[in-house]
Amino acid sequence: MARYTDHDQLAAEALQIAEDVRELAPLATYQRLAAQCARDPERMAQVIMCLSAWLDPDTPVGALIARAEAITEARAPMRRAVVA
């Protein structure tokens, strides 16, 4: 297993994922993440661990779902504009 020790870079990658989820097309984000996981699973495991560490485990699941729905709702006008 290759352990990456540049925690700043891992954190930057985690933040980029959070930004991409909000800014890019879901399929493009999914495909990029799937490719990165296939290419470098150990590194991506560390990025996922970083994201998980930032999440407050005491946050109710309902609040997390509401946050995800708010993100997708914010993207809905963009999707409708592309379809129209």
PDB file of N, CA and C in Angstrom:
ATOM      1  N   MET A   1       0.844  -1.179   0.000  1.00  0.00           N
ATOM      2  CA  MET A   1       0.000   0.000   0.000  1.00  0.00           C
ATOM      3  C   MET A   1       0.889   1.241   0.000  1.00  0.00           C
ATOM      4  N   ALA A   2       0.569   2.150  -0.884  1.00  0.00           N
ATOM      5  CA  ALA A   2       1.290   3.418  -0.930  1.00  0.00           C
ATOM      6  C   ALA A   2       0.575   4.415  -0.032  1.00  0.00           C
ATOM      7  N   ARG A   3       1.271   4.849   0.997  1.00  0.00           N
ATOM      8  CA  ARG A   3       0.676   5.826   1.909  1.00  0.00           C
ATOM      9  C   ARG A   3       1.192   7.198   1.525  1.00  0.00           C
ATOM     10  N   TYR A   4       0.273   8.106   1.305  1.00  0.00           N
ATOM     11  CA  TYR A   4       0.637   9.463   0.918  1.00  0.00           C
ATOM     12  C   TYR A   4       0.725  10.314   2.174  1.00  0.00           C
ATOM     13  N   THR A   5       1.796  11.052   2.291  1.00  0.00           N
ATOM     14  CA  THR A   5       2.030  11.814   3.519  1.00  0.00           C
ATOM     15  C   THR A   5       1.835  13.314   3.341  1.00  0.00           C
ATOM     16  N   ASP A   6       1.563  13.760   2.128  1.00  0.00           N
ATOM     17  CA  ASP A   6       1.318  15.182   1.903  1.00  0.00           C
ATOM     18  C   ASP A   6      -0.144  15.471   2.237  1.00  0.00           C
ATOM     19  N   HIS A   7      -0.382  15.736   3.511  1.00  0.00           N
ATOM     20  CA  HIS A   7      -1.761  15.928   3.972  1.00  0.00           C
ATOM     21  C   HIS A   7      -2.397  17.183   3.394  1.00  0.00           C
ATOM     22  N   ASP A   8      -1.598  18.184   3.103  1.00  0.00           N
ATOM     23  CA  ASP A   8      -2.148  19.386   2.474  1.00  0.00           C
ATOM     24  C   ASP A   8      -2.705  19.063   1.088  1.00  0.00           C
ATOM     25  N   GLN A   9      -1.980  18.235   0.344  1.00  0.00           N
ATOM     26  CA  GLN A   9      -2.444  17.854  -0.993  1.00  0.00           C
ATOM     27  C   GLN A   9      -3.699  16.986  -0.899  1.00  0.00           C
ATOM     28  N   LEU A  10      -3.722  16.054   0.042  1.00  0.00           N
ATOM     29  CA  LEU A  10      -4.917  15.223   0.222  1.00  0.00           C
ATOM     30  C   LEU A  10      -6.120  16.084   0.589  1.00  0.00           C
ATOM     31  N   ALA A  11      -5.916  17.056   1.464  1.00  0.00           N
ATOM     32  CA  ALA A  11      -7.006  17.958   1.848  1.00  0.00           C
ATOM     33  C   ALA A  11      -7.461  18.791   0.660  1.00  0.00           C
ATOM     34  N   ALA A  12      -6.519  19.237  -0.156  1.00  0.00           N
ATOM     35  CA  ALA A  12      -6.879  20.015  -1.348  1.00  0.00           C
ATOM     36  C   ALA A  12      -7.715  19.174  -2.304  1.00  0.00           C
ATOM     37  N   GLU A  13      -7.363  17.901  -2.453  1.00  0.00           N
ATOM     38  CA  GLU A  13      -8.146  17.011  -3.315  1.00  0.00           C
ATOM     39  C   GLU A  13      -9.550  16.806  -2.753  1.00  0.00           C
ATOM     40  N   ALA A  14      -9.651  16.652  -1.447  1.00  0.00           N
ATOM     41  CA  ALA A  14     -10.966  16.485  -0.818  1.00  0.00           C
ATOM     42  C   ALA A  14     -11.822  17.728  -1.033  1.00  0.00           C
ATOM     43  N   LEU A  15     -11.232  18.894  -0.869  1.00  0.00           N
ATOM     44  CA  LEU A  15     -11.967  20.140  -1.100  1.00  0.00           C
ATOM     45  C   LEU A  15     -12.380  20.275  -2.561  1.00  0.00           C
ATOM     46  N   GLN A  16     -11.522  19.817  -3.472  1.00  0.00           N
ATOM     47  CA  GLN A  16     -11.862  19.881  -4.895  1.00  0.00           C
ATOM     48  C   GLN A  16     -13.071  19.004  -5.199  1.00  0.00           C
ATOM     49  N   ILE A  17     -13.140  17.846  -4.569  1.00  0.00           N
ATOM     50  CA  ILE A  17     -14.306  16.977  -4.752  1.00  0.00           C
ATOM     51  C   ILE A  17     -15.565  17.686  -4.274  1.00  0.00           C
ATOM     52  N   ALA A  18     -15.483  18.314  -3.108  1.00  0.00           N
ATOM     53  CA  ALA A  18     -16.643  19.033  -2.573  1.00  0.00           C
ATOM     54  C   ALA A  18     -17.080  20.144  -3.523  1.00  0.00           C
ATOM     55  N   GLU A  19     -16.117  20.820  -4.124  1.00  0.00           N
ATOM     56  CA  GLU A  19     -16.451  21.877  -5.086  1.00  0.00           C
ATOM     57  C   GLU A  19     -17.042  21.285  -6.361  1.00  0.00           C
ATOM     58  N   ASP A  20     -16.437  20.210  -6.859  1.00  0.00           N
ATOM     59  CA  ASP A  20     -16.921  19.588  -8.091  1.00  0.00           C
ATOM     60  C   ASP A  20     -18.356  19.100  -7.954  1.00  0.00           C
ATOM     61  N   VAL A  21     -18.690  18.545  -6.800  1.00  0.00           N
ATOM     62  CA  VAL A  21     -20.057  18.059  -6.569  1.00  0.00           C
ATOM     63  C   VAL A  21     -21.059  19.197  -6.724  1.00  0.00           C
ATOM     64  N   ARG A  22     -20.638  20.380  -6.381  1.00  0.00           N
ATOM     65  CA  ARG A  22     -21.536  21.539  -6.446  1.00  0.00           C
ATOM     66  C   ARG A  22     -21.512  22.242  -7.797  1.00  0.00           C
ATOM     67  N   GLU A  23     -20.417  22.105  -8.545  1.00  0.00           N
ATOM     68  CA  GLU A  23     -20.232  22.916  -9.747  1.00  0.00           C
ATOM     69  C   GLU A  23     -20.290  22.148 -11.065  1.00  0.00           C
ATOM     70  N   LEU A  24     -19.952  20.883 -11.064  1.00  0.00           N
ATOM     71  CA  LEU A  24     -19.858  20.129 -12.312  1.00  0.00           C
ATOM     72  C   LEU A  24     -21.049  19.198 -12.488  1.00  0.00           C
ATOM     73  N   ALA A  25     -21.202  18.720 -13.695  1.00  0.00           N
ATOM     74  CA  ALA A  25     -22.260  17.751 -13.979  1.00  0.00           C
ATOM     75  C   ALA A  25     -22.019  16.496 -13.140  1.00  0.00           C
ATOM     76  N   PRO A  26     -23.073  15.954 -12.538  1.00  0.00           N
ATOM     77  CA  PRO A  26     -22.897  14.774 -11.683  1.00  0.00           C
ATOM     78  C   PRO A  26     -22.204  13.608 -12.386  1.00  0.00           C
ATOM     79  N   LEU A  27     -22.561  13.343 -13.634  1.00  0.00           N
ATOM     80  CA  LEU A  27     -21.943  12.221 -14.340  1.00  0.00           C
ATOM     81  C   LEU A  27     -20.449  12.455 -14.539  1.00  0.00           C
ATOM     82  N   ALA A  28     -20.067  13.664 -14.883  1.00  0.00           N
ATOM     83  CA  ALA A  28     -18.644  13.970 -15.071  1.00  0.00           C
ATOM     84  C   ALA A  28     -17.874  13.791 -13.766  1.00  0.00           C
ATOM     85  N   THR A  29     -18.460  14.253 -12.676  1.00  0.00           N
ATOM     86  CA  THR A  29     -17.820  14.098 -11.370  1.00  0.00           C
ATOM     87  C   THR A  29     -17.687  12.620 -11.022  1.00  0.00           C
ATOM     88  N   TYR A  30     -18.764  11.872 -11.212  1.00  0.00           N
ATOM     89  CA  TYR A  30     -18.750  10.434 -10.923  1.00  0.00           C
ATOM     90  C   TYR A  30     -17.678   9.727 -11.754  1.00  0.00           C
ATOM     91  N   GLN A  31     -17.641  10.003 -13.052  1.00  0.00           N
ATOM     92  CA  GLN A  31     -16.682   9.328 -13.925  1.00  0.00           C
ATOM     93  C   GLN A  31     -15.244   9.656 -13.532  1.00  0.00           C
ATOM     94  N   ARG A  32     -14.984  10.914 -13.191  1.00  0.00           N
ATOM     95  CA  ARG A  32     -13.635  11.299 -12.780  1.00  0.00           C
ATOM     96  C   ARG A  32     -13.240  10.591 -11.488  1.00  0.00           C
ATOM     97  N   LEU A  33     -14.165  10.561 -10.516  1.00  0.00           N
ATOM     98  CA  LEU A  33     -13.867   9.901  -9.243  1.00  0.00           C
ATOM     99  C   LEU A  33     -13.673   8.401  -9.425  1.00  0.00           C
ATOM    100  N   ALA A  34     -14.520   7.775 -10.248  1.00  0.00           N
ATOM    101  CA  ALA A  34     -14.382   6.336 -10.491  1.00  0.00           C
ATOM    102  C   ALA A  34     -13.032   6.030 -11.129  1.00  0.00           C
ATOM    103  N   ALA A  35     -12.621   6.855 -12.081  1.00  0.00           N
ATOM    104  CA  ALA A  35     -11.323   6.647 -12.733  1.00  0.00           C
ATOM    105  C   ALA A  35     -10.177   6.832 -11.738  1.00  0.00           C
ATOM    106  N   GLN A  36     -10.275   7.852 -10.890  1.00  0.00           N
ATOM    107  CA  GLN A  36      -9.225   8.076  -9.894  1.00  0.00           C
ATOM    108  C   GLN A  36      -9.160   6.915  -8.902  1.00  0.00           C
ATOM    109  N   CYS A  37     -10.307   6.398  -8.499  1.00  0.00           N
ATOM    110  CA  CYS A  37     -10.329   5.263  -7.563  1.00  0.00           C
ATOM    111  C   CYS A  37      -9.716   4.025  -8.200  1.00  0.00           C
ATOM    112  N   ALA A  38      -9.992   3.794  -9.479  1.00  0.00           N
ATOM    113  CA  ALA A  38      -9.429   2.633 -10.169  1.00  0.00           C
ATOM    114  C   ALA A  38      -7.921   2.790 -10.344  1.00  0.00           C
ATOM    115  N   ARG A  39      -7.484   4.002 -10.652  1.00  0.00           N
ATOM    116  CA  ARG A  39      -6.070   4.260 -10.922  1.00  0.00           C
ATOM    117  C   ARG A  39      -5.228   4.273  -9.646  1.00  0.00           C
ATOM    118  N   ASP A  40      -5.772   4.828  -8.571  1.00  0.00           N
ATOM    119  CA  ASP A  40      -4.983   5.013  -7.348  1.00  0.00           C
ATOM    120  C   ASP A  40      -5.874   4.815  -6.116  1.00  0.00           C
ATOM    121  N   PRO A  41      -6.292   3.572  -5.870  1.00  0.00           N
ATOM    122  CA  PRO A  41      -7.257   3.334  -4.790  1.00  0.00           C
ATOM    123  C   PRO A  41      -6.743   3.713  -3.402  1.00  0.00           C
ATOM    124  N   GLU A  42      -5.454   3.526  -3.146  1.00  0.00           N
ATOM    125  CA  GLU A  42      -4.936   3.869  -1.824  1.00  0.00           C
ATOM    126  C   GLU A  42      -5.019   5.373  -1.570  1.00  0.00           C
ATOM    127  N   ARG A  43      -4.658   6.153  -2.559  1.00  0.00           N
ATOM    128  CA  ARG A  43      -4.717   7.610  -2.410  1.00  0.00           C
ATOM    129  C   ARG A  43      -6.165   8.057  -2.226  1.00  0.00           C
ATOM    130  N   MET A  44      -7.064   7.516  -3.021  1.00  0.00           N
ATOM    131  CA  MET A  44      -8.462   7.915  -2.921  1.00  0.00           C
ATOM    132  C   MET A  44      -9.067   7.467  -1.592  1.00  0.00           C
ATOM    133  N   ALA A  45      -8.600   6.354  -1.046  1.00  0.00           N
ATOM    134  CA  ALA A  45      -9.066   5.943   0.283  1.00  0.00           C
ATOM    135  C   ALA A  45      -8.678   6.998   1.311  1.00  0.00           C
ATOM    136  N   GLN A  46      -7.484   7.548   1.175  1.00  0.00           N
ATOM    137  CA  GLN A  46      -7.067   8.603   2.101  1.00  0.00           C
ATOM    138  C   GLN A  46      -7.888   9.879   1.906  1.00  0.00           C
ATOM    139  N   VAL A  47      -8.226  10.206   0.666  1.00  0.00           N
ATOM    140  CA  VAL A  47      -9.064  11.383   0.405  1.00  0.00           C
ATOM    141  C   VAL A  47     -10.445  11.179   1.032  1.00  0.00           C
ATOM    142  N   ILE A  48     -10.999   9.980   0.878  1.00  0.00           N
ATOM    143  CA  ILE A  48     -12.306   9.677   1.480  1.00  0.00           C
ATOM    144  C   ILE A  48     -12.215   9.756   3.003  1.00  0.00           C
ATOM    145  N   MET A  49     -11.121   9.259   3.564  1.00  0.00           N
ATOM    146  CA  MET A  49     -10.941   9.351   5.015  1.00  0.00           C
ATOM    147  C   MET A  49     -10.874  10.805   5.458  1.00  0.00           C
ATOM    148  N   CYS A  50     -10.238  11.653   4.656  1.00  0.00           N
ATOM    149  CA  CYS A  50     -10.159  13.084   4.966  1.00  0.00           C
ATOM    150  C   CYS A  50     -11.560  13.690   4.973  1.00  0.00           C
ATOM    151  N   LEU A  51     -12.340  13.416   3.941  1.00  0.00           N
ATOM    152  CA  LEU A  51     -13.716  13.919   3.893  1.00  0.00           C
ATOM    153  C   LEU A  51     -14.516  13.420   5.091  1.00  0.00           C
ATOM    154  N   SER A  52     -14.330  12.170   5.430  1.00  0.00           N
ATOM    155  CA  SER A  52     -15.062  11.591   6.560  1.00  0.00           C
ATOM    156  C   SER A  52     -14.663  12.236   7.879  1.00  0.00           C
ATOM    157  N   ALA A  53     -13.389  12.545   8.017  1.00  0.00           N
ATOM    158  CA  ALA A  53     -12.929  13.192   9.255  1.00  0.00           C
ATOM    159  C   ALA A  53     -13.532  14.584   9.407  1.00  0.00           C
ATOM    160  N   TRP A  54     -13.803  15.250   8.301  1.00  0.00           N
ATOM    161  CA  TRP A  54     -14.395  16.588   8.346  1.00  0.00           C
ATOM    162  C   TRP A  54     -15.878  16.553   8.675  1.00  0.00           C
ATOM    163  N   LEU A  55     -16.500  15.423   8.486  1.00  0.00           N
ATOM    164  CA  LEU A  55     -17.934  15.291   8.743  1.00  0.00           C
ATOM    165  C   LEU A  55     -18.163  15.054  10.231  1.00  0.00           C
ATOM    166  N   ASP A  56     -19.064  15.798  10.805  1.00  0.00           N
ATOM    167  CA  ASP A  56     -19.403  15.612  12.216  1.00  0.00           C
ATOM    168  C   ASP A  56     -20.317  14.391  12.333  1.00  0.00           C
ATOM    169  N   PRO A  57     -19.842  13.300  12.947  1.00  0.00           N
ATOM    170  CA  PRO A  57     -20.655  12.090  13.026  1.00  0.00           C
ATOM    171  C   PRO A  57     -21.898  12.255  13.899  1.00  0.00           C
ATOM    172  N   ASP A  58     -21.959  13.329  14.668  1.00  0.00           N
ATOM    173  CA  ASP A  58     -23.139  13.571  15.495  1.00  0.00           C
ATOM    174  C   ASP A  58     -24.234  14.335  14.753  1.00  0.00           C
ATOM    175  N   THR A  59     -23.954  14.732  13.517  1.00  0.00           N
ATOM    176  CA  THR A  59     -24.971  15.408  12.715  1.00  0.00           C
ATOM    177  C   THR A  59     -26.047  14.395  12.343  1.00  0.00           C
ATOM    178  N   PRO A  60     -27.304  14.705  12.592  1.00  0.00           N
ATOM    179  CA  PRO A  60     -28.372  13.762  12.240  1.00  0.00           C
ATOM    180  C   PRO A  60     -28.390  13.481  10.732  1.00  0.00           C
ATOM    181  N   VAL A  61     -28.698  12.249  10.390  1.00  0.00           N
ATOM    182  CA  VAL A  61     -28.746  11.856   8.985  1.00  0.00           C
ATOM    183  C   VAL A  61     -29.723  12.743   8.215  1.00  0.00           C
ATOM    184  N   GLY A  62     -30.824  13.105   8.841  1.00  0.00           N
ATOM    185  CA  GLY A  62     -31.797  13.975   8.180  1.00  0.00           C
ATOM    186  C   GLY A  62     -31.188  15.305   7.768  1.00  0.00           C
ATOM    187  N   ALA A  63     -30.312  15.846   8.594  1.00  0.00           N
ATOM    188  CA  ALA A  63     -29.644  17.108   8.260  1.00  0.00           C
ATOM    189  C   ALA A  63     -28.682  16.922   7.090  1.00  0.00           C
ATOM    190  N   LEU A  64     -28.005  15.783   7.046  1.00  0.00           N
ATOM    191  CA  LEU A  64     -27.096  15.506   5.934  1.00  0.00           C
ATOM    192  C   LEU A  64     -27.872  15.340   4.633  1.00  0.00           C
ATOM    193  N   ILE A  65     -29.005  14.655   4.706  1.00  0.00           N
ATOM    194  CA  ILE A  65     -29.852  14.491   3.521  1.00  0.00           C
ATOM    195  C   ILE A  65     -30.351  15.848   3.047  1.00  0.00           C
ATOM    196  N   ALA A  66     -30.773  16.683   3.982  1.00  0.00           N
ATOM    197  CA  ALA A  66     -31.252  18.024   3.622  1.00  0.00           C
ATOM    198  C   ALA A  66     -30.145  18.821   2.935  1.00  0.00           C
ATOM    199  N   ARG A  67     -28.914  18.691   3.410  1.00  0.00           N
ATOM    200  CA  ARG A  67     -27.789  19.396   2.784  1.00  0.00           C
ATOM    201  C   ARG A  67     -27.580  18.898   1.358  1.00  0.00           C
ATOM    202  N   ALA A  68     -27.611  17.582   1.177  1.00  0.00           N
ATOM    203  CA  ALA A  68     -27.440  17.022  -0.168  1.00  0.00           C
ATOM    204  C   ALA A  68     -28.569  17.468  -1.095  1.00  0.00           C
ATOM    205  N   GLU A  69     -29.787  17.477  -0.578  1.00  0.00           N
ATOM    206  CA  GLU A  69     -30.920  17.926  -1.392  1.00  0.00           C
ATOM    207  C   GLU A  69     -30.790  19.402  -1.744  1.00  0.00           C
ATOM    208  N   ALA A  70     -30.305  20.210  -0.825  1.00  0.00           N
ATOM    209  CA  ALA A  70     -30.122  21.635  -1.106  1.00  0.00           C
ATOM    210  C   ALA A  70     -29.093  21.838  -2.217  1.00  0.00           C
ATOM    211  N   ILE A  71     -28.051  21.033  -2.207  1.00  0.00           N
ATOM    212  CA  ILE A  71     -27.034  21.132  -3.254  1.00  0.00           C
ATOM    213  C   ILE A  71     -27.632  20.747  -4.596  1.00  0.00           C
ATOM    214  N   THR A  72     -28.399  19.651  -4.634  1.00  0.00           N
ATOM    215  CA  THR A  72     -28.979  19.222  -5.906  1.00  0.00           C
ATOM    216  C   THR A  72     -30.057  20.184  -6.379  1.00  0.00           C
ATOM    217  N   GLU A  73     -30.808  20.760  -5.465  1.00  0.00           N
ATOM    218  CA  GLU A  73     -31.822  21.748  -5.850  1.00  0.00           C
ATOM    219  C   GLU A  73     -31.168  22.994  -6.423  1.00  0.00           C
ATOM    220  N   ALA A  74     -30.051  23.393  -5.870  1.00  0.00           N
ATOM    221  CA  ALA A  74     -29.343  24.567  -6.381  1.00  0.00           C
ATOM    222  C   ALA A  74     -28.862  24.329  -7.804  1.00  0.00           C
ATOM    223  N   ARG A  75     -28.598  23.072  -8.136  1.00  0.00           N
ATOM    224  CA  ARG A  75     -28.135  22.720  -9.473  1.00  0.00           C
ATOM    225  C   ARG A  75     -29.283  22.554 -10.455  1.00  0.00           C
ATOM    226  N   ALA A  76     -30.507  22.353  -9.980  1.00  0.00           N
ATOM    227  CA  ALA A  76     -31.647  22.076 -10.858  1.00  0.00           C
ATOM    228  C   ALA A  76     -31.853  23.145 -11.921  1.00  0.00           C
ATOM    229  N   PRO A  77     -31.796  24.447 -11.600  1.00  0.00           N
ATOM    230  CA  PRO A  77     -31.979  25.450 -12.659  1.00  0.00           C
ATOM    231  C   PRO A  77     -30.925  25.328 -13.762  1.00  0.00           C
ATOM    232  N   MET A  78     -29.695  24.950 -13.397  1.00  0.00           N
ATOM    233  CA  MET A  78     -28.646  24.778 -14.403  1.00  0.00           C
ATOM    234  C   MET A  78     -28.982  23.616 -15.319  1.00  0.00           C
ATOM    235  N   ARG A  79     -29.482  22.502 -14.748  1.00  0.00           N
ATOM    236  CA  ARG A  79     -29.838  21.343 -15.556  1.00  0.00           C
ATOM    237  C   ARG A  79     -30.997  21.683 -16.480  1.00  0.00           C
ATOM    238  N   ARG A  80     -31.993  22.403 -15.969  1.00  0.00           N
ATOM    239  CA  ARG A  80     -33.139  22.773 -16.798  1.00  0.00           C
ATOM    240  C   ARG A  80     -32.705  23.680 -17.945  1.00  0.00           C
ATOM    241  N   ALA A  81     -31.768  24.560 -17.699  1.00  0.00           N
ATOM    242  CA  ALA A  81     -31.291  25.462 -18.745  1.00  0.00           C
ATOM    243  C   ALA A  81     -30.579  24.690 -19.853  1.00  0.00           C
ATOM    244  N   VAL A  82     -29.855  23.643 -19.483  1.00  0.00           N
ATOM    245  CA  VAL A  82     -29.151  22.832 -20.469  1.00  0.00           C
ATOM    246  C   VAL A  82     -30.141  22.045 -21.303  1.00  0.00           C
ATOM    247  N   VAL A  83     -31.197  21.535 -20.681  1.00  0.00           N
ATOM    248  CA  VAL A  83     -32.195  20.723 -21.374  1.00  0.00           C
ATOM    249  C   VAL A  83     -33.039  21.583 -22.304  1.00  0.00           C
ATOM    250  N   ALA A  84     -33.341  22.798 -21.910  1.00  0.00           N
ATOM    251  CA  ALA A  84     -34.243  23.666 -22.683  1.00  0.00           C
ATOM    252  C   ALA A  84     -33.693  24.068 -24.021  1.00  0.00           C
TER     253      ALA A  84
END
